[in-house]
PDB file of N, CA and C in Angstrom:
ATOM      1  N   MET A   1       0.844  -1.188   0.000  1.00  0.00           N
ATOM      2  CA  MET A   1       0.000   0.000   0.000  1.00  0.00           C
ATOM      3  C   MET A   1       0.885   1.246   0.000  1.00  0.00           C
ATOM      4  N   VAL A   2       0.526   2.195  -0.822  1.00  0.00           N
ATOM      5  CA  VAL A   2       1.275   3.437  -0.924  1.00  0.00           C
ATOM      6  C   VAL A   2       0.705   4.434   0.078  1.00  0.00           C
ATOM      7  N   MET A   3       1.579   4.995   0.885  1.00  0.00           N
ATOM      8  CA  MET A   3       1.151   5.964   1.891  1.00  0.00           C
ATOM      9  C   MET A   3       0.710   7.262   1.221  1.00  0.00           C
ATOM     10  N   LYS A   4      -0.330   7.863   1.737  1.00  0.00           N
ATOM     11  CA  LYS A   4      -0.851   9.108   1.175  1.00  0.00           C
ATOM     12  C   LYS A   4       0.222  10.189   1.141  1.00  0.00           C
ATOM     13  N   SER A   5       1.145  10.161   2.077  1.00  0.00           N
ATOM     14  CA  SER A   5       2.220  11.154   2.107  1.00  0.00           C
ATOM     15  C   SER A   5       3.158  11.023   0.911  1.00  0.00           C
ATOM     16  N   SER A   6       3.119   9.894   0.214  1.00  0.00           N
ATOM     17  CA  SER A   6       3.970   9.673  -0.962  1.00  0.00           C
ATOM     18  C   SER A   6       3.315  10.120  -2.257  1.00  0.00           C
ATOM     19  N   TRP A   7       2.039  10.442  -2.226  1.00  0.00           N
ATOM     20  CA  TRP A   7       1.313  10.773  -3.444  1.00  0.00           C
ATOM     21  C   TRP A   7       1.941  11.955  -4.184  1.00  0.00           C
ATOM     22  N   LYS A   8       2.402  12.968  -3.447  1.00  0.00           N
ATOM     23  CA  LYS A   8       2.998  14.151  -4.079  1.00  0.00           C
ATOM     24  C   LYS A   8       4.267  13.762  -4.826  1.00  0.00           C
ATOM     25  N   ALA A   9       5.098  12.924  -4.234  1.00  0.00           N
ATOM     26  CA  ALA A   9       6.329  12.484  -4.891  1.00  0.00           C
ATOM     27  C   ALA A   9       6.018  11.685  -6.155  1.00  0.00           C
ATOM     28  N   ILE A  10       4.989  10.839  -6.087  1.00  0.00           N
ATOM     29  CA  ILE A  10       4.573  10.069  -7.262  1.00  0.00           C
ATOM     30  C   ILE A  10       4.096  11.029  -8.346  1.00  0.00           C
ATOM     31  N   GLY A  11       3.303  12.005  -7.972  1.00  0.00           N
ATOM     32  CA  GLY A  11       2.824  13.000  -8.920  1.00  0.00           C
ATOM     33  C   GLY A  11       3.953  13.769  -9.581  1.00  0.00           C
ATOM     34  N   ASN A  12       4.967  14.091  -8.807  1.00  0.00           N
ATOM     35  CA  ASN A  12       6.120  14.788  -9.370  1.00  0.00           C
ATOM     36  C   ASN A  12       6.832  13.938 -10.412  1.00  0.00           C
ATOM     37  N   ARG A  13       6.918  12.634 -10.173  1.00  0.00           N
ATOM     38  CA  ARG A  13       7.547  11.749 -11.146  1.00  0.00           C
ATOM     39  C   ARG A  13       6.699  11.639 -12.414  1.00  0.00           C
ATOM     40  N   LEU A  14       5.375  11.582 -12.262  1.00  0.00           N
ATOM     41  CA  LEU A  14       4.487  11.551 -13.425  1.00  0.00           C
ATOM     42  C   LEU A  14       4.676  12.815 -14.269  1.00  0.00           C
ATOM     43  N   LYS A  15       4.711  13.952 -13.593  1.00  0.00           N
ATOM     44  CA  LYS A  15       4.868  15.221 -14.294  1.00  0.00           C
ATOM     45  C   LYS A  15       6.218  15.285 -14.995  1.00  0.00           C
ATOM     46  N   TYR A  16       7.267  14.906 -14.305  1.00  0.00           N
ATOM     47  CA  TYR A  16       8.607  14.929 -14.889  1.00  0.00           C
ATOM     48  C   TYR A  16       8.652  14.096 -16.168  1.00  0.00           C
ATOM     49  N   LEU A  17       8.119  12.888 -16.114  1.00  0.00           N
ATOM     50  CA  LEU A  17       8.155  12.013 -17.284  1.00  0.00           C
ATOM     51  C   LEU A  17       7.289  12.547 -18.423  1.00  0.00           C
ATOM     52  N   ARG A  18       6.138  13.100 -18.093  1.00  0.00           N
ATOM     53  CA  ARG A  18       5.278  13.681 -19.124  1.00  0.00           C
ATOM     54  C   ARG A  18       5.998  14.816 -19.840  1.00  0.00           C
ATOM     55  N   LEU A  19       6.610  15.702 -19.070  1.00  0.00           N
ATOM     56  CA  LEU A  19       7.323  16.828 -19.666  1.00  0.00           C
ATOM     57  C   LEU A  19       8.558  16.363 -20.434  1.00  0.00           C
ATOM     58  N   TYR A  20       9.227  15.340 -19.918  1.00  0.00           N
ATOM     59  CA  TYR A  20      10.397  14.783 -20.598  1.00  0.00           C
ATOM     60  C   TYR A  20      10.020  14.273 -21.994  1.00  0.00           C
ATOM     61  N   LEU A  21       8.819  13.732 -22.114  1.00  0.00           N
ATOM     62  CA  LEU A  21       8.336  13.243 -23.401  1.00  0.00           C
ATOM     63  C   LEU A  21       7.843  14.367 -24.314  1.00  0.00           C
ATOM     64  N   GLY A  22       7.877  15.583 -23.822  1.00  0.00           N
ATOM     65  CA  GLY A  22       7.452  16.725 -24.627  1.00  0.00           C
ATOM     66  C   GLY A  22       5.967  16.983 -24.610  1.00  0.00           C
ATOM     67  N   MET A  23       5.250  16.365 -23.688  1.00  0.00           N
ATOM     68  CA  MET A  23       3.810  16.606 -23.555  1.00  0.00           C
ATOM     69  C   MET A  23       3.619  17.749 -22.567  1.00  0.00           C
ATOM     70  N   ASN A  24       3.401  18.934 -23.097  1.00  0.00           N
ATOM     71  CA  ASN A  24       3.264  20.101 -22.238  1.00  0.00           C
ATOM     72  C   ASN A  24       1.864  20.243 -21.652  1.00  0.00           C
ATOM     73  N   VAL A  25       0.924  19.475 -22.156  1.00  0.00           N
ATOM     74  CA  VAL A  25      -0.471  19.572 -21.706  1.00  0.00           C
ATOM     75  C   VAL A  25      -0.878  18.250 -21.047  1.00  0.00           C
ATOM     76  N   GLN A  26      -1.355  18.336 -19.809  1.00  0.00           N
ATOM     77  CA  GLN A  26      -1.792  17.144 -19.081  1.00  0.00           C
ATOM     78  C   GLN A  26      -2.878  16.383 -19.827  1.00  0.00           C
ATOM     79  N   LYS A  27      -3.732  17.116 -20.523  1.00  0.00           N
ATOM     80  CA  LYS A  27      -4.866  16.505 -21.215  1.00  0.00           C
ATOM     81  C   LYS A  27      -4.403  15.416 -22.181  1.00  0.00           C
ATOM     82  N   ASN A  28      -3.284  15.641 -22.847  1.00  0.00           N
ATOM     83  CA  ASN A  28      -2.779  14.655 -23.804  1.00  0.00           C
ATOM     84  C   ASN A  28      -2.442  13.332 -23.119  1.00  0.00           C
ATOM     85  N   MET A  29      -1.767  13.405 -21.988  1.00  0.00           N
ATOM     86  CA  MET A  29      -1.420  12.183 -21.254  1.00  0.00           C
ATOM     87  C   MET A  29      -2.681  11.542 -20.697  1.00  0.00           C
ATOM     88  N   ALA A  30      -3.595  12.352 -20.201  1.00  0.00           N
ATOM     89  CA  ALA A  30      -4.848  11.820 -19.661  1.00  0.00           C
ATOM     90  C   ALA A  30      -5.578  11.002 -20.716  1.00  0.00           C
ATOM     91  N   GLU A  31      -5.655  11.522 -21.925  1.00  0.00           N
ATOM     92  CA  GLU A  31      -6.342  10.815 -23.010  1.00  0.00           C
ATOM     93  C   GLU A  31      -5.663   9.479 -23.314  1.00  0.00           C
ATOM     94  N   LEU A  32      -4.337   9.471 -23.335  1.00  0.00           N
ATOM     95  CA  LEU A  32      -3.608   8.234 -23.609  1.00  0.00           C
ATOM     96  C   LEU A  32      -3.820   7.179 -22.525  1.00  0.00           C
ATOM     97  N   LEU A  33      -4.063   7.650 -21.303  1.00  0.00           N
ATOM     98  CA  LEU A  33      -4.265   6.724 -20.184  1.00  0.00           C
ATOM     99  C   LEU A  33      -5.736   6.367 -19.982  1.00  0.00           C
ATOM    100  N   GLY A  34      -6.631   7.018 -20.725  1.00  0.00           N
ATOM    101  CA  GLY A  34      -8.060   6.756 -20.558  1.00  0.00           C
ATOM    102  C   GLY A  34      -8.626   7.392 -19.311  1.00  0.00           C
ATOM    103  N   ALA A  35      -8.024   8.498 -18.885  1.00  0.00           N
ATOM    104  CA  ALA A  35      -8.471   9.210 -17.684  1.00  0.00           C
ATOM    105  C   ALA A  35      -8.996  10.583 -18.093  1.00  0.00           C
ATOM    106  N   SER A  36      -9.790  11.175 -17.229  1.00  0.00           N
ATOM    107  CA  SER A  36     -10.227  12.538 -17.488  1.00  0.00           C
ATOM    108  C   SER A  36      -9.061  13.483 -17.176  1.00  0.00           C
ATOM    109  N   PRO A  37      -9.053  14.657 -17.799  1.00  0.00           N
ATOM    110  CA  PRO A  37      -7.984  15.613 -17.485  1.00  0.00           C
ATOM    111  C   PRO A  37      -7.932  15.983 -16.003  1.00  0.00           C
ATOM    112  N   SER A  38      -9.088  16.123 -15.366  1.00  0.00           N
ATOM    113  CA  SER A  38      -9.085  16.481 -13.941  1.00  0.00           C
ATOM    114  C   SER A  38      -8.555  15.332 -13.085  1.00  0.00           C
ATOM    115  N   GLN A  39      -8.869  14.118 -13.469  1.00  0.00           N
ATOM    116  CA  GLN A  39      -8.365  12.955 -12.731  1.00  0.00           C
ATOM    117  C   GLN A  39      -6.842  12.893 -12.848  1.00  0.00           C
ATOM    118  N   TYR A  40      -6.334  13.058 -14.063  1.00  0.00           N
ATOM    119  CA  TYR A  40      -4.885  13.016 -14.248  1.00  0.00           C
ATOM    120  C   TYR A  40      -4.208  14.163 -13.498  1.00  0.00           C
ATOM    121  N   SER A  41      -4.814  15.347 -13.534  1.00  0.00           N
ATOM    122  CA  SER A  41      -4.279  16.491 -12.792  1.00  0.00           C
ATOM    123  C   SER A  41      -4.168  16.171 -11.303  1.00  0.00           C
ATOM    124  N   ASN A  42      -5.184  15.514 -10.768  1.00  0.00           N
ATOM    125  CA  ASN A  42      -5.142  15.127  -9.350  1.00  0.00           C
ATOM    126  C   ASN A  42      -3.974  14.196  -9.067  1.00  0.00           C
ATOM    127  N   TRP A  43      -3.701  13.270  -9.981  1.00  0.00           N
ATOM    128  CA  TRP A  43      -2.566  12.356  -9.789  1.00  0.00           C
ATOM    129  C   TRP A  43      -1.250  13.124  -9.763  1.00  0.00           C
ATOM    130  N   GLU A  44      -1.080  14.048 -10.707  1.00  0.00           N
ATOM    131  CA  GLU A  44       0.167  14.813 -10.773  1.00  0.00           C
ATOM    132  C   GLU A  44       0.321  15.743  -9.577  1.00  0.00           C
ATOM    133  N   ASN A  45      -0.774  16.234  -9.049  1.00  0.00           N
ATOM    134  CA  ASN A  45      -0.714  17.173  -7.926  1.00  0.00           C
ATOM    135  C   ASN A  45      -0.756  16.493  -6.568  1.00  0.00           C
ATOM    136  N   GLY A  46      -0.728  15.169  -6.568  1.00  0.00           N
ATOM    137  CA  GLY A  46      -0.704  14.438  -5.307  1.00  0.00           C
ATOM    138  C   GLY A  46      -2.026  14.418  -4.571  1.00  0.00           C
ATOM    139  N   LEU A  47      -3.110  14.713  -5.272  1.00  0.00           N
ATOM    140  CA  LEU A  47      -4.431  14.724  -4.651  1.00  0.00           C
ATOM    141  C   LEU A  47      -5.144  13.392  -4.806  1.00  0.00           C
ATOM    142  N   GLY A  48      -4.550  12.508  -5.565  1.00  0.00           N
ATOM    143  CA  GLY A  48      -5.074  11.159  -5.777  1.00  0.00           C
ATOM    144  C   GLY A  48      -3.924  10.280  -6.216  1.00  0.00           C
ATOM    145  N   LEU A  49      -4.114   9.003  -6.112  1.00  0.00           N
ATOM    146  CA  LEU A  49      -3.076   8.043  -6.474  1.00  0.00           C
ATOM    147  C   LEU A  49      -3.427   7.395  -7.801  1.00  0.00           C
ATOM    148  N   ILE A  50      -2.485   7.387  -8.722  1.00  0.00           N
ATOM    149  CA  ILE A  50      -2.705   6.758 -10.013  1.00  0.00           C
ATOM    150  C   ILE A  50      -2.953   5.268  -9.787  1.00  0.00           C
ATOM    151  N   PRO A  51      -4.056   4.731 -10.308  1.00  0.00           N
ATOM    152  CA  PRO A  51      -4.333   3.305 -10.121  1.00  0.00           C
ATOM    153  C   PRO A  51      -3.349   2.454 -10.931  1.00  0.00           C
ATOM    154  N   VAL A  52      -3.185   1.229 -10.515  1.00  0.00           N
ATOM    155  CA  VAL A  52      -2.198   0.338 -11.125  1.00  0.00           C
ATOM    156  C   VAL A  52      -2.439   0.170 -12.617  1.00  0.00           C
ATOM    157  N   ASP A  53      -3.697   0.023 -13.049  1.00  0.00           N
ATOM    158  CA  ASP A  53      -3.941  -0.175 -14.485  1.00  0.00           C
ATOM    159  C   ASP A  53      -3.483   1.034 -15.299  1.00  0.00           C
ATOM    160  N   ALA A  54      -3.695   2.243 -14.787  1.00  0.00           N
ATOM    161  CA  ALA A  54      -3.228   3.446 -15.473  1.00  0.00           C
ATOM    162  C   ALA A  54      -1.706   3.547 -15.397  1.00  0.00           C
ATOM    163  N   ALA A  55      -1.133   3.127 -14.282  1.00  0.00           N
ATOM    164  CA  ALA A  55       0.324   3.157 -14.135  1.00  0.00           C
ATOM    165  C   ALA A  55       0.993   2.197 -15.115  1.00  0.00           C
ATOM    166  N   VAL A  56       0.353   1.068 -15.368  1.00  0.00           N
ATOM    167  CA  VAL A  56       0.897   0.110 -16.344  1.00  0.00           C
ATOM    168  C   VAL A  56       0.865   0.737 -17.742  1.00  0.00           C
ATOM    169  N   LYS A  57      -0.205   1.440 -18.075  1.00  0.00           N
ATOM    170  CA  LYS A  57      -0.262   2.149 -19.365  1.00  0.00           C
ATOM    171  C   LYS A  57       0.810   3.228 -19.420  1.00  0.00           C
ATOM    172  N   PHE A  58       0.964   3.956 -18.315  1.00  0.00           N
ATOM    173  CA  PHE A  58       1.974   5.012 -18.235  1.00  0.00           C
ATOM    174  C   PHE A  58       3.363   4.402 -18.435  1.00  0.00           C
ATOM    175  N   GLN A  59       3.576   3.254 -17.833  1.00  0.00           N
ATOM    176  CA  GLN A  59       4.841   2.539 -17.985  1.00  0.00           C
ATOM    177  C   GLN A  59       5.107   2.228 -19.449  1.00  0.00           C
ATOM    178  N   GLY A  60       4.097   1.751 -20.155  1.00  0.00           N
ATOM    179  CA  GLY A  60       4.250   1.425 -21.565  1.00  0.00           C
ATOM    180  C   GLY A  60       4.553   2.641 -22.422  1.00  0.00           C
ATOM    181  N   LEU A  61       4.009   3.781 -22.048  1.00  0.00           N
ATOM    182  CA  LEU A  61       4.222   5.008 -22.814  1.00  0.00           C
ATOM    183  C   LEU A  61       5.571   5.649 -22.531  1.00  0.00           C
ATOM    184  N   THR A  62       6.043   5.515 -21.300  1.00  0.00           N
ATOM    185  CA  THR A  62       7.248   6.241 -20.891  1.00  0.00           C
ATOM    186  C   THR A  62       8.475   5.359 -20.730  1.00  0.00           C
ATOM    187  N   GLY A  63       8.267   4.063 -20.530  1.00  0.00           N
ATOM    188  CA  GLY A  63       9.388   3.180 -20.255  1.00  0.00           C
ATOM    189  C   GLY A  63       9.784   3.147 -18.793  1.00  0.00           C
ATOM    190  N   ALA A  64       9.110   3.935 -17.969  1.00  0.00           N
ATOM    191  CA  ALA A  64       9.396   3.960 -16.526  1.00  0.00           C
ATOM    192  C   ALA A  64       8.927   2.668 -15.893  1.00  0.00           C
ATOM    193  N   THR A  65       9.620   2.210 -14.903  1.00  0.00           N
ATOM    194  CA  THR A  65       9.195   1.008 -14.195  1.00  0.00           C
ATOM    195  C   THR A  65       8.134   1.373 -13.162  1.00  0.00           C
ATOM    196  N   LEU A  66       7.362   0.398 -12.764  1.00  0.00           N
ATOM    197  CA  LEU A  66       6.376   0.639 -11.708  1.00  0.00           C
ATOM    198  C   LEU A  66       7.087   0.971 -10.391  1.00  0.00           C
ATOM    199  N   ASP A  67       8.265   0.390 -10.177  1.00  0.00           N
ATOM    200  CA  ASP A  67       9.048   0.744  -8.992  1.00  0.00           C
ATOM    201  C   ASP A  67       9.359   2.227  -8.974  1.00  0.00           C
ATOM    202  N   TYR A  68       9.717   2.775 -10.129  1.00  0.00           N
ATOM    203  CA  TYR A  68      10.026   4.207 -10.207  1.00  0.00           C
ATOM    204  C   TYR A  68       8.772   5.043  -9.979  1.00  0.00           C
ATOM    205  N   ILE A  69       7.685   4.654 -10.622  1.00  0.00           N
ATOM    206  CA  ILE A  69       6.449   5.425 -10.505  1.00  0.00           C
ATOM    207  C   ILE A  69       5.973   5.459  -9.054  1.00  0.00           C
ATOM    208  N   TYR A  70       5.952   4.287  -8.417  1.00  0.00           N
ATOM    209  CA  TYR A  70       5.452   4.200  -7.047  1.00  0.00           C
ATOM    210  C   TYR A  70       6.550   4.321  -6.015  1.00  0.00           C
TER     211      TYR A  70
END
């Protein structure tokens, strides 16, 4: 189980990888993951935890490991 106090750090890693890929708009990543833009924004801002199924998609898009994401 991921502690709520870690959500912000996870969000920072999501944001870093999104920007590294040249996606300047959260909406683009949200669409690729099948999430709403507000839901994805919450993940990046540490207000929610990215679910495992979305993290696996994120892994496929970015090459990041689940260990890195979480």
